[in-house]
Amino acid sequence: MNIFVAIALVQFTGASGQRIDINAAEVTSVREPHDFTAGHFAEGTHCLIGMTNGKFIGVMENCDQVRRALVGRGASGPCVMVCGETAR
């Protein structure tokens, strides 16, 4: 008997241009960086992706692009779409 496991990896770009593959099923939140996080993430970070392990990953893509990429890829649709942010 063969068992296959599929993981939905979504590719993003780190602030220094490196490729970041994210397991969509482990995303807990998507949000824009705030002014008080400026020193914690590299310049060019436009979106923070919260993970189940409590860490945040900063990416160059904006949060709308991140949400579109995650929806339907194993991420929780309602959370990824809102995550406490308000429309601007």
N, C-alpha and C. Protein backbone atom coordinates (compact mmCIF):
# COMPACT_ATOMS: atom_id res chain seq x y z
N MET A 1 0.85 -1.18 0.00
CA MET A 1 0.00 0.00 0.00
C MET A 1 0.90 1.25 0.00
N ASN A 2 0.64 2.14 -0.95
CA ASN A 2 1.37 3.40 -1.03
C ASN A 2 0.53 4.52 -0.42
N ILE A 3 1.17 5.37 0.33
CA ILE A 3 0.50 6.53 0.90
C ILE A 3 1.20 7.78 0.38
N PHE A 4 0.41 8.69 -0.18
CA PHE A 4 0.95 9.93 -0.68
C PHE A 4 0.40 11.08 0.13
N VAL A 5 1.27 12.01 0.45
CA VAL A 5 0.87 13.19 1.20
C VAL A 5 1.10 14.41 0.31
N ALA A 6 0.08 15.22 0.16
CA ALA A 6 0.20 16.43 -0.65
C ALA A 6 0.23 17.65 0.26
N ILE A 7 1.18 18.50 0.05
CA ILE A 7 1.29 19.75 0.80
C ILE A 7 1.15 20.89 -0.20
N ALA A 8 0.26 21.82 0.10
CA ALA A 8 0.04 22.95 -0.80
C ALA A 8 1.03 24.06 -0.47
N LEU A 9 2.13 24.11 -1.19
CA LEU A 9 3.12 25.17 -0.98
C LEU A 9 2.82 26.32 -1.93
N VAL A 10 2.85 27.52 -1.38
CA VAL A 10 2.62 28.72 -2.17
C VAL A 10 3.90 29.53 -2.13
N GLN A 11 4.33 30.02 -3.28
CA GLN A 11 5.61 30.72 -3.38
C GLN A 11 5.43 32.23 -3.27
N PHE A 12 6.27 32.83 -2.40
CA PHE A 12 6.31 34.28 -2.23
C PHE A 12 7.76 34.74 -2.33
N THR A 13 7.96 36.05 -2.26
CA THR A 13 9.30 36.62 -2.38
C THR A 13 9.67 37.33 -1.08
N GLY A 14 10.81 36.94 -0.51
CA GLY A 14 11.31 37.61 0.68
C GLY A 14 11.83 38.99 0.33
N ALA A 15 12.00 39.83 1.35
CA ALA A 15 12.41 41.21 1.12
C ALA A 15 13.75 41.35 0.42
N SER A 16 14.62 40.36 0.55
CA SER A 16 15.91 40.42 -0.14
C SER A 16 15.88 39.68 -1.47
N GLY A 17 14.67 39.29 -1.91
CA GLY A 17 14.52 38.66 -3.22
C GLY A 17 14.55 37.15 -3.21
N GLN A 18 14.73 36.52 -2.05
CA GLN A 18 14.78 35.06 -2.00
C GLN A 18 13.39 34.47 -2.11
N ARG A 19 13.33 33.25 -2.63
CA ARG A 19 12.06 32.53 -2.76
C ARG A 19 11.68 31.95 -1.40
N ILE A 20 10.41 32.11 -1.04
CA ILE A 20 9.89 31.55 0.21
C ILE A 20 8.69 30.68 -0.14
N ASP A 21 8.76 29.40 0.20
CA ASP A 21 7.65 28.49 0.00
C ASP A 21 6.91 28.33 1.32
N ILE A 22 5.61 28.59 1.30
CA ILE A 22 4.80 28.56 2.51
C ILE A 22 3.76 27.45 2.40
N ASN A 23 3.63 26.66 3.46
CA ASN A 23 2.57 25.66 3.52
C ASN A 23 1.29 26.40 3.86
N ALA A 24 0.38 26.49 2.91
CA ALA A 24 -0.85 27.26 3.07
C ALA A 24 -1.69 26.79 4.25
N ALA A 25 -1.62 25.51 4.59
CA ALA A 25 -2.40 24.97 5.69
C ALA A 25 -1.90 25.45 7.05
N GLU A 26 -0.71 26.04 7.11
CA GLU A 26 -0.15 26.51 8.37
C GLU A 26 -0.24 28.02 8.55
N VAL A 27 -0.94 28.70 7.66
CA VAL A 27 -1.10 30.15 7.76
C VAL A 27 -2.25 30.46 8.71
N THR A 28 -1.98 31.34 9.68
CA THR A 28 -3.02 31.73 10.64
C THR A 28 -3.51 33.15 10.42
N SER A 29 -2.69 34.01 9.83
CA SER A 29 -3.10 35.39 9.61
C SER A 29 -2.28 36.03 8.50
N VAL A 30 -2.85 37.08 7.94
CA VAL A 30 -2.18 37.88 6.92
C VAL A 30 -2.46 39.32 7.27
N ARG A 31 -1.39 40.12 7.42
CA ARG A 31 -1.61 41.53 7.77
C ARG A 31 -0.48 42.40 7.26
N GLU A 32 -0.79 43.69 7.14
CA GLU A 32 0.23 44.65 6.75
C GLU A 32 1.10 44.96 7.96
N PRO A 33 2.39 45.25 7.74
CA PRO A 33 3.24 45.62 8.87
C PRO A 33 2.82 46.98 9.42
N HIS A 34 2.94 47.15 10.71
CA HIS A 34 2.63 48.42 11.36
C HIS A 34 3.93 49.20 11.57
N ASP A 35 3.81 50.48 11.87
CA ASP A 35 5.00 51.32 12.10
C ASP A 35 5.90 50.75 13.19
N PHE A 36 5.31 50.18 14.25
CA PHE A 36 6.13 49.70 15.36
C PHE A 36 6.90 48.42 15.02
N THR A 37 6.62 47.77 13.88
CA THR A 37 7.37 46.59 13.47
C THR A 37 8.47 46.93 12.48
N ALA A 38 8.67 48.21 12.21
CA ALA A 38 9.62 48.63 11.17
C ALA A 38 11.02 48.07 11.38
N GLY A 39 11.49 48.01 12.59
CA GLY A 39 12.84 47.51 12.85
C GLY A 39 12.95 46.00 12.91
N HIS A 40 11.83 45.32 12.90
CA HIS A 40 11.85 43.87 13.03
C HIS A 40 11.89 43.13 11.71
N PHE A 41 11.49 43.78 10.63
CA PHE A 41 11.45 43.13 9.33
C PHE A 41 12.25 43.95 8.32
N ALA A 42 12.78 43.27 7.31
CA ALA A 42 13.61 43.94 6.31
C ALA A 42 12.83 44.99 5.54
N GLU A 43 13.54 46.00 5.09
CA GLU A 43 12.91 47.02 4.24
C GLU A 43 12.39 46.34 2.98
N GLY A 44 11.24 46.74 2.53
CA GLY A 44 10.62 46.10 1.37
C GLY A 44 9.57 45.08 1.75
N THR A 45 9.39 44.85 3.06
CA THR A 45 8.35 43.94 3.52
C THR A 45 7.01 44.64 3.41
N HIS A 46 6.09 44.07 2.62
CA HIS A 46 4.78 44.68 2.43
C HIS A 46 3.66 43.90 3.10
N CYS A 47 3.93 42.66 3.50
CA CYS A 47 2.91 41.85 4.13
C CYS A 47 3.56 40.88 5.10
N LEU A 48 2.88 40.63 6.23
CA LEU A 48 3.35 39.66 7.22
C LEU A 48 2.40 38.48 7.23
N ILE A 49 2.96 37.29 7.12
CA ILE A 49 2.18 36.07 7.12
C ILE A 49 2.42 35.37 8.45
N GLY A 50 1.36 35.24 9.27
CA GLY A 50 1.46 34.56 10.56
C GLY A 50 1.33 33.06 10.36
N MET A 51 2.16 32.31 11.08
CA MET A 51 2.19 30.86 10.93
C MET A 51 1.73 30.18 12.23
N THR A 52 1.37 28.91 12.13
CA THR A 52 0.89 28.17 13.30
C THR A 52 1.94 28.03 14.39
N ASN A 53 3.22 28.16 14.05
CA ASN A 53 4.27 28.06 15.06
C ASN A 53 4.51 29.39 15.78
N GLY A 54 3.69 30.41 15.47
CA GLY A 54 3.79 31.70 16.14
C GLY A 54 4.73 32.68 15.47
N LYS A 55 5.41 32.27 14.43
CA LYS A 55 6.35 33.16 13.73
C LYS A 55 5.64 33.90 12.62
N PHE A 56 6.22 35.06 12.24
CA PHE A 56 5.73 35.84 11.12
C PHE A 56 6.77 35.83 10.02
N ILE A 57 6.32 35.71 8.79
CA ILE A 57 7.20 35.74 7.63
C ILE A 57 6.87 36.99 6.83
N GLY A 58 7.88 37.83 6.60
CA GLY A 58 7.69 39.05 5.83
C GLY A 58 7.95 38.80 4.36
N VAL A 59 7.02 39.27 3.51
CA VAL A 59 7.16 39.07 2.07
C VAL A 59 6.99 40.40 1.33
N MET A 60 7.50 40.45 0.09
CA MET A 60 7.41 41.66 -0.73
C MET A 60 6.02 41.86 -1.34
N GLU A 61 5.29 40.78 -1.56
CA GLU A 61 3.95 40.91 -2.14
C GLU A 61 3.04 41.66 -1.16
N ASN A 62 2.07 42.39 -1.70
CA ASN A 62 1.13 43.06 -0.79
C ASN A 62 0.13 42.02 -0.28
N CYS A 63 -0.61 42.38 0.77
CA CYS A 63 -1.50 41.42 1.43
C CYS A 63 -2.64 40.95 0.54
N ASP A 64 -3.11 41.78 -0.37
CA ASP A 64 -4.16 41.34 -1.30
C ASP A 64 -3.64 40.22 -2.20
N GLN A 65 -2.40 40.36 -2.68
CA GLN A 65 -1.80 39.31 -3.51
C GLN A 65 -1.62 38.03 -2.71
N VAL A 66 -1.20 38.16 -1.45
CA VAL A 66 -0.99 37.00 -0.59
C VAL A 66 -2.32 36.28 -0.36
N ARG A 67 -3.36 37.02 -0.04
CA ARG A 67 -4.68 36.41 0.19
C ARG A 67 -5.17 35.66 -1.05
N ARG A 68 -5.03 36.29 -2.21
CA ARG A 68 -5.48 35.64 -3.45
C ARG A 68 -4.70 34.34 -3.69
N ALA A 69 -3.42 34.35 -3.40
CA ALA A 69 -2.60 33.15 -3.62
C ALA A 69 -2.95 32.04 -2.64
N LEU A 70 -3.36 32.39 -1.43
CA LEU A 70 -3.63 31.39 -0.41
C LEU A 70 -5.03 30.78 -0.50
N VAL A 71 -5.99 31.54 -0.93
CA VAL A 71 -7.37 31.03 -0.98
C VAL A 71 -7.44 29.83 -1.92
N GLY A 72 -8.03 28.76 -1.41
CA GLY A 72 -8.17 27.55 -2.21
C GLY A 72 -6.93 26.67 -2.23
N ARG A 73 -5.90 27.04 -1.48
CA ARG A 73 -4.66 26.25 -1.46
C ARG A 73 -4.44 25.56 -0.13
N GLY A 74 -5.50 25.35 0.64
CA GLY A 74 -5.35 24.69 1.94
C GLY A 74 -5.43 25.66 3.09
N ALA A 75 -5.43 26.95 2.79
CA ALA A 75 -5.54 27.95 3.85
C ALA A 75 -7.00 28.11 4.23
N SER A 76 -7.23 28.61 5.40
CA SER A 76 -8.59 28.84 5.88
C SER A 76 -9.15 30.07 5.18
N GLY A 77 -10.07 29.87 4.25
CA GLY A 77 -10.63 30.96 3.46
C GLY A 77 -11.10 32.16 4.25
N PRO A 78 -12.03 31.99 5.23
CA PRO A 78 -12.53 33.17 5.95
C PRO A 78 -11.45 33.91 6.70
N CYS A 79 -10.52 33.20 7.33
CA CYS A 79 -9.48 33.89 8.09
C CYS A 79 -8.55 34.65 7.17
N VAL A 80 -8.13 34.01 6.11
CA VAL A 80 -7.19 34.64 5.20
C VAL A 80 -7.81 35.87 4.55
N MET A 81 -9.11 35.84 4.36
CA MET A 81 -9.77 36.98 3.70
C MET A 81 -9.95 38.18 4.62
N VAL A 82 -10.10 37.98 5.92
CA VAL A 82 -10.34 39.12 6.80
C VAL A 82 -9.25 39.33 7.82
N CYS A 83 -8.97 38.37 8.64
CA CYS A 83 -7.90 38.40 9.64
C CYS A 83 -7.86 39.71 10.44
N GLY A 84 -8.99 40.27 10.74
CA GLY A 84 -9.04 41.45 11.59
C GLY A 84 -8.70 42.75 10.91
N GLU A 85 -8.41 42.74 9.64
CA GLU A 85 -8.10 43.99 8.94
C GLU A 85 -9.36 44.64 8.44
N THR A 86 -9.32 45.94 8.30
CA THR A 86 -10.46 46.67 7.77
C THR A 86 -10.15 47.14 6.37
N ALA A 87 -11.16 47.21 5.54
CA ALA A 87 -10.97 47.67 4.15
C ALA A 87 -10.61 49.15 4.17
N ARG A 88 -9.77 49.55 3.25
CA ARG A 88 -9.35 50.96 3.17
C ARG A 88 -9.97 51.62 1.99
